[in-house]
Amino acid sequence: LSQGVLSNISSITDLGGFDPVWLF
């Protein structure tokens, strides 16, 4: 995911700045 996959995830959620990389 750190390679840019779903890099715009924060634009479609109300969790501003959320990065799925940190979750995993």
PDB file of all heavy atoms in Angstrom:
ATOM      1  N   LEU A   1       0.820  -1.218   0.000  1.00  0.00           N
ATOM      2  CA  LEU A   1       0.000   0.000   0.000  1.00  0.00           C
ATOM      3  C   LEU A   1       0.851   1.264   0.000  1.00  0.00           C
ATOM      4  O   LEU A   1       0.417   2.311  -0.477  1.00  0.00           O
ATOM      5  CB  LEU A   1      -0.927   0.001   1.222  1.00  0.00           C
ATOM      6  CG  LEU A   1      -2.056  -1.030   1.222  1.00  0.00           C
ATOM      7  CD1 LEU A   1      -2.813  -0.979   2.537  1.00  0.00           C
ATOM      8  CD2 LEU A   1      -3.010  -0.808   0.056  1.00  0.00           C
ATOM      9  N   SER A   2       2.078   1.160   0.549  1.00  0.00           N
ATOM     10  CA  SER A   2       2.945   2.331   0.613  1.00  0.00           C
ATOM     11  C   SER A   2       3.435   2.766  -0.767  1.00  0.00           C
ATOM     12  O   SER A   2       3.968   3.865  -0.923  1.00  0.00           O
ATOM     13  CB  SER A   2       4.149   2.046   1.514  1.00  0.00           C
ATOM     14  OG  SER A   2       5.013   1.083   0.919  1.00  0.00           O
ATOM     15  N   GLN A   3       3.233   1.910  -1.781  1.00  0.00           N
ATOM     16  CA  GLN A   3       3.663   2.263  -3.139  1.00  0.00           C
ATOM     17  C   GLN A   3       2.676   3.198  -3.835  1.00  0.00           C
ATOM     18  O   GLN A   3       2.828   3.505  -5.009  1.00  0.00           O
ATOM     19  CB  GLN A   3       3.832   0.981  -3.982  1.00  0.00           C
ATOM     20  CG  GLN A   3       4.776  -0.038  -3.369  1.00  0.00           C
ATOM     21  CD  GLN A   3       6.143   0.520  -3.093  1.00  0.00           C
ATOM     22  OE1 GLN A   3       6.733   1.173  -3.956  1.00  0.00           O
ATOM     23  NE2 GLN A   3       6.672   0.277  -1.899  1.00  0.00           N
ATOM     24  N   GLY A   4       1.630   3.618  -3.099  1.00  0.00           N
ATOM     25  CA  GLY A   4       0.671   4.564  -3.670  1.00  0.00           C
ATOM     26  C   GLY A   4      -0.695   3.971  -3.914  1.00  0.00           C
ATOM     27  O   GLY A   4      -1.607   4.651  -4.350  1.00  0.00           O
ATOM     28  N   VAL A   5      -0.873   2.665  -3.633  1.00  0.00           N
ATOM     29  CA  VAL A   5      -2.169   2.032  -3.811  1.00  0.00           C
ATOM     30  C   VAL A   5      -3.144   2.616  -2.787  1.00  0.00           C
ATOM     31  O   VAL A   5      -2.843   2.725  -1.605  1.00  0.00           O
ATOM     32  CB  VAL A   5      -2.054   0.505  -3.613  1.00  0.00           C
ATOM     33  CG1 VAL A   5      -3.409  -0.152  -3.793  1.00  0.00           C
ATOM     34  CG2 VAL A   5      -1.051  -0.059  -4.603  1.00  0.00           C
ATOM     35  N   LEU A   6      -4.316   3.030  -3.258  1.00  0.00           N
ATOM     36  CA  LEU A   6      -5.338   3.665  -2.429  1.00  0.00           C
ATOM     37  C   LEU A   6      -4.790   4.901  -1.707  1.00  0.00           C
ATOM     38  O   LEU A   6      -5.142   5.191  -0.577  1.00  0.00           O
ATOM     39  CB  LEU A   6      -5.894   2.663  -1.402  1.00  0.00           C
ATOM     40  CG  LEU A   6      -6.625   1.446  -1.975  1.00  0.00           C
ATOM     41  CD1 LEU A   6      -7.136   0.568  -0.848  1.00  0.00           C
ATOM     42  CD2 LEU A   6      -7.764   1.845  -2.884  1.00  0.00           C
ATOM     43  N   SER A   7      -3.897   5.626  -2.385  1.00  0.00           N
ATOM     44  CA  SER A   7      -3.296   6.807  -1.766  1.00  0.00           C
ATOM     45  C   SER A   7      -4.311   7.914  -1.517  1.00  0.00           C
ATOM     46  O   SER A   7      -4.094   8.790  -0.688  1.00  0.00           O
ATOM     47  CB  SER A   7      -2.157   7.339  -2.636  1.00  0.00           C
ATOM     48  OG  SER A   7      -2.633   7.648  -3.942  1.00  0.00           O
ATOM     49  N   ASN A   8      -5.434   7.895  -2.241  1.00  0.00           N
ATOM     50  CA  ASN A   8      -6.457   8.931  -2.080  1.00  0.00           C
ATOM     51  C   ASN A   8      -7.605   8.482  -1.189  1.00  0.00           C
ATOM     52  O   ASN A   8      -8.709   8.997  -1.287  1.00  0.00           O
ATOM     53  CB  ASN A   8      -7.019   9.340  -3.452  1.00  0.00           C
ATOM     54  CG  ASN A   8      -5.983  10.083  -4.274  1.00  0.00           C
ATOM     55  OD1 ASN A   8      -5.098  10.701  -3.734  1.00  0.00           O
ATOM     56  ND2 ASN A   8      -6.104   9.997  -5.586  1.00  0.00           N
ATOM     57  N   ILE A   9      -7.350   7.507  -0.323  1.00  0.00           N
ATOM     58  CA  ILE A   9      -8.418   6.964   0.519  1.00  0.00           C
ATOM     59  C   ILE A   9      -9.019   8.044   1.419  1.00  0.00           C
ATOM     60  O   ILE A   9     -10.197   8.018   1.732  1.00  0.00           O
ATOM     61  CB  ILE A   9      -7.883   5.787   1.378  1.00  0.00           C
ATOM     62  CG1 ILE A   9      -9.021   5.029   2.068  1.00  0.00           C
ATOM     63  CG2 ILE A   9      -6.886   6.266   2.416  1.00  0.00           C
ATOM     64  CD1 ILE A   9      -9.823   4.184   1.146  1.00  0.00           C
ATOM     65  N   SER A  10      -8.190   9.028   1.838  1.00  0.00           N
ATOM     66  CA  SER A  10      -8.690  10.073   2.735  1.00  0.00           C
ATOM     67  C   SER A  10      -9.710  10.978   2.060  1.00  0.00           C
ATOM     68  O   SER A  10     -10.518  11.616   2.724  1.00  0.00           O
ATOM     69  CB  SER A  10      -7.532  10.916   3.282  1.00  0.00           C
ATOM     70  OG  SER A  10      -6.830  11.520   2.221  1.00  0.00           O
ATOM     71  N   SER A  11      -9.689  11.019   0.731  1.00  0.00           N
ATOM     72  CA  SER A  11     -10.609  11.895   0.007  1.00  0.00           C
ATOM     73  C   SER A  11     -12.014  11.325  -0.062  1.00  0.00           C
ATOM     74  O   SER A  11     -12.952  12.037  -0.381  1.00  0.00           O
ATOM     75  CB  SER A  11     -10.088  12.145  -1.416  1.00  0.00           C
ATOM     76  OG  SER A  11     -10.115  10.947  -2.185  1.00  0.00           O
ATOM     77  N   ILE A  12     -12.171  10.035   0.245  1.00  0.00           N
ATOM     78  CA  ILE A  12     -13.506   9.435   0.172  1.00  0.00           C
ATOM     79  C   ILE A  12     -13.989   8.945   1.531  1.00  0.00           C
ATOM     80  O   ILE A  12     -14.950   8.200   1.630  1.00  0.00           O
ATOM     81  CB  ILE A  12     -13.529   8.255  -0.829  1.00  0.00           C
ATOM     82  CG1 ILE A  12     -12.532   7.178  -0.435  1.00  0.00           C
ATOM     83  CG2 ILE A  12     -13.263   8.735  -2.224  1.00  0.00           C
ATOM     84  CD1 ILE A  12     -12.668   5.907  -1.222  1.00  0.00           C
ATOM     85  N   THR A  13     -13.311   9.356   2.601  1.00  0.00           N
ATOM     86  CA  THR A  13     -13.775   9.063   3.952  1.00  0.00           C
ATOM     87  C   THR A  13     -13.804  10.369   4.726  1.00  0.00           C
ATOM     88  O   THR A  13     -13.232  11.369   4.323  1.00  0.00           O
ATOM     89  CB  THR A  13     -12.837   8.067   4.671  1.00  0.00           C
ATOM     90  OG1 THR A  13     -11.566   8.703   4.880  1.00  0.00           O
ATOM     91  CG2 THR A  13     -12.635   6.807   3.860  1.00  0.00           C
ATOM     92  N   ASP A  14     -14.464  10.343   5.880  1.00  0.00           N
ATOM     93  CA  ASP A  14     -14.470  11.536   6.720  1.00  0.00           C
ATOM     94  C   ASP A  14     -13.363  11.475   7.762  1.00  0.00           C
ATOM     95  O   ASP A  14     -13.366  12.205   8.744  1.00  0.00           O
ATOM     96  CB  ASP A  14     -15.828  11.726   7.404  1.00  0.00           C
ATOM     97  CG  ASP A  14     -16.252  10.489   8.170  1.00  0.00           C
ATOM     98  OD1 ASP A  14     -15.489   9.510   8.184  1.00  0.00           O
ATOM     99  OD2 ASP A  14     -17.351  10.515   8.756  1.00  0.00           O
ATOM    100  N   LEU A  15     -12.377  10.559   7.547  1.00  0.00           N
ATOM    101  CA  LEU A  15     -11.213  10.462   8.424  1.00  0.00           C
ATOM    102  C   LEU A  15     -10.071  11.211   7.754  1.00  0.00           C
ATOM    103  O   LEU A  15      -9.280  10.623   7.011  1.00  0.00           O
ATOM    104  CB  LEU A  15     -10.839   8.990   8.660  1.00  0.00           C
ATOM    105  CG  LEU A  15     -11.941   8.109   9.273  1.00  0.00           C
ATOM    106  CD1 LEU A  15     -11.468   6.672   9.333  1.00  0.00           C
ATOM    107  CD2 LEU A  15     -12.311   8.607  10.659  1.00  0.00           C
ATOM    108  N   GLY A  16      -9.999  12.513   7.983  1.00  0.00           N
ATOM    109  CA  GLY A  16      -9.001  13.329   7.299  1.00  0.00           C
ATOM    110  C   GLY A  16      -7.588  12.851   7.555  1.00  0.00           C
ATOM    111  O   GLY A  16      -7.193  12.618   8.695  1.00  0.00           O
ATOM    112  N   GLY A  17      -6.810  12.693   6.492  1.00  0.00           N
ATOM    113  CA  GLY A  17      -5.420  12.283   6.623  1.00  0.00           C
ATOM    114  C   GLY A  17      -5.226  10.807   6.907  1.00  0.00           C
ATOM    115  O   GLY A  17      -4.102  10.367   7.172  1.00  0.00           O
ATOM    116  N   PHE A  18      -6.298  10.028   6.880  1.00  0.00           N
ATOM    117  CA  PHE A  18      -6.170   8.597   7.184  1.00  0.00           C
ATOM    118  C   PHE A  18      -5.355   7.899   6.101  1.00  0.00           C
ATOM    119  O   PHE A  18      -5.600   8.054   4.916  1.00  0.00           O
ATOM    120  CB  PHE A  18      -7.555   7.958   7.267  1.00  0.00           C
ATOM    121  CG  PHE A  18      -7.520   6.452   7.397  1.00  0.00           C
ATOM    122  CD1 PHE A  18      -7.160   5.861   8.582  1.00  0.00           C
ATOM    123  CD2 PHE A  18      -7.827   5.640   6.306  1.00  0.00           C
ATOM    124  CE1 PHE A  18      -7.119   4.481   8.696  1.00  0.00           C
ATOM    125  CE2 PHE A  18      -7.787   4.269   6.411  1.00  0.00           C
ATOM    126  CZ  PHE A  18      -7.436   3.685   7.618  1.00  0.00           C
ATOM    127  N   ASP A  19      -4.353   7.136   6.538  1.00  0.00           N
ATOM    128  CA  ASP A  19      -3.504   6.380   5.624  1.00  0.00           C
ATOM    129  C   ASP A  19      -3.581   4.914   6.016  1.00  0.00           C
ATOM    130  O   ASP A  19      -3.177   4.538   7.128  1.00  0.00           O
ATOM    131  CB  ASP A  19      -2.060   6.876   5.712  1.00  0.00           C
ATOM    132  CG  ASP A  19      -1.189   6.289   4.604  1.00  0.00           C
ATOM    133  OD1 ASP A  19      -1.583   5.263   4.018  1.00  0.00           O
ATOM    134  OD2 ASP A  19      -0.122   6.865   4.326  1.00  0.00           O
ATOM    135  N   PRO A  20      -4.107   4.038   5.146  1.00  0.00           N
ATOM    136  CA  PRO A  20      -4.245   2.622   5.499  1.00  0.00           C
ATOM    137  C   PRO A  20      -2.927   1.935   5.806  1.00  0.00           C
ATOM    138  O   PRO A  20      -2.898   0.903   6.469  1.00  0.00           O
ATOM    139  CB  PRO A  20      -4.910   2.016   4.251  1.00  0.00           C
ATOM    140  CG  PRO A  20      -4.650   2.973   3.144  1.00  0.00           C
ATOM    141  CD  PRO A  20      -4.580   4.323   3.780  1.00  0.00           C
ATOM    142  N   VAL A  21      -1.806   2.512   5.334  1.00  0.00           N
ATOM    143  CA  VAL A  21      -0.496   1.914   5.604  1.00  0.00           C
ATOM    144  C   VAL A  21      -0.241   1.847   7.106  1.00  0.00           C
ATOM    145  O   VAL A  21       0.214   0.824   7.631  1.00  0.00           O
ATOM    146  CB  VAL A  21       0.626   2.727   4.918  1.00  0.00           C
ATOM    147  CG1 VAL A  21       1.997   2.208   5.333  1.00  0.00           C
ATOM    148  CG2 VAL A  21       0.472   2.655   3.401  1.00  0.00           C
ATOM    149  N   TRP A  22      -0.576   2.933   7.825  1.00  0.00           N
ATOM    150  CA  TRP A  22      -0.337   2.959   9.265  1.00  0.00           C
ATOM    151  C   TRP A  22      -1.203   1.948   9.997  1.00  0.00           C
ATOM    152  O   TRP A  22      -0.763   1.342  10.977  1.00  0.00           O
ATOM    153  CB  TRP A  22      -0.589   4.367   9.809  1.00  0.00           C
ATOM    154  CG  TRP A  22       0.442   5.352   9.367  1.00  0.00           C
ATOM    155  CD1 TRP A  22       0.305   6.345   8.439  1.00  0.00           C
ATOM    156  CD2 TRP A  22       1.798   5.408   9.809  1.00  0.00           C
ATOM    157  NE1 TRP A  22       1.486   7.029   8.271  1.00  0.00           N
ATOM    158  CE2 TRP A  22       2.424   6.467   9.103  1.00  0.00           C
ATOM    159  CE3 TRP A  22       2.553   4.673  10.726  1.00  0.00           C
ATOM    160  CZ2 TRP A  22       3.754   6.805   9.298  1.00  0.00           C
ATOM    161  CZ3 TRP A  22       3.881   5.014  10.913  1.00  0.00           C
ATOM    162  CH2 TRP A  22       4.472   6.066  10.219  1.00  0.00           C
ATOM    163  N   LEU A  23      -2.419   1.761   9.529  1.00  0.00           N
ATOM    164  CA  LEU A  23      -3.307   0.776  10.150  1.00  0.00           C
ATOM    165  C   LEU A  23      -2.714  -0.621  10.061  1.00  0.00           C
ATOM    166  O   LEU A  23      -2.648  -1.351  11.057  1.00  0.00           O
ATOM    167  CB  LEU A  23      -4.682   0.819   9.470  1.00  0.00           C
ATOM    168  CG  LEU A  23      -5.680  -0.255   9.924  1.00  0.00           C
ATOM    169  CD1 LEU A  23      -6.014  -0.089  11.394  1.00  0.00           C
ATOM    170  CD2 LEU A  23      -6.943  -0.202   9.074  1.00  0.00           C
ATOM    171  N   PHE A  24      -2.241  -0.997   8.864  1.00  0.00           N
ATOM    172  CA  PHE A  24      -1.666  -2.333   8.686  1.00  0.00           C
ATOM    173  C   PHE A  24      -0.343  -2.481   9.434  1.00  0.00           C
ATOM    174  O   PHE A  24      -0.020  -3.561   9.926  1.00  0.00           O
ATOM    175  CB  PHE A  24      -1.491  -2.635   7.197  1.00  0.00           C
ATOM    176  CG  PHE A  24      -2.771  -2.906   6.487  1.00  0.00           C
ATOM    177  CD1 PHE A  24      -3.328  -1.971   5.614  1.00  0.00           C
ATOM    178  CD2 PHE A  24      -3.457  -4.094   6.687  1.00  0.00           C
ATOM    179  CE1 PHE A  24      -4.525  -2.215   4.969  1.00  0.00           C
ATOM    180  CE2 PHE A  24      -4.656  -4.345   6.041  1.00  0.00           C
ATOM    181  CZ  PHE A  24      -5.189  -3.412   5.180  1.00  0.00           C
TER     182      PHE A  24
END
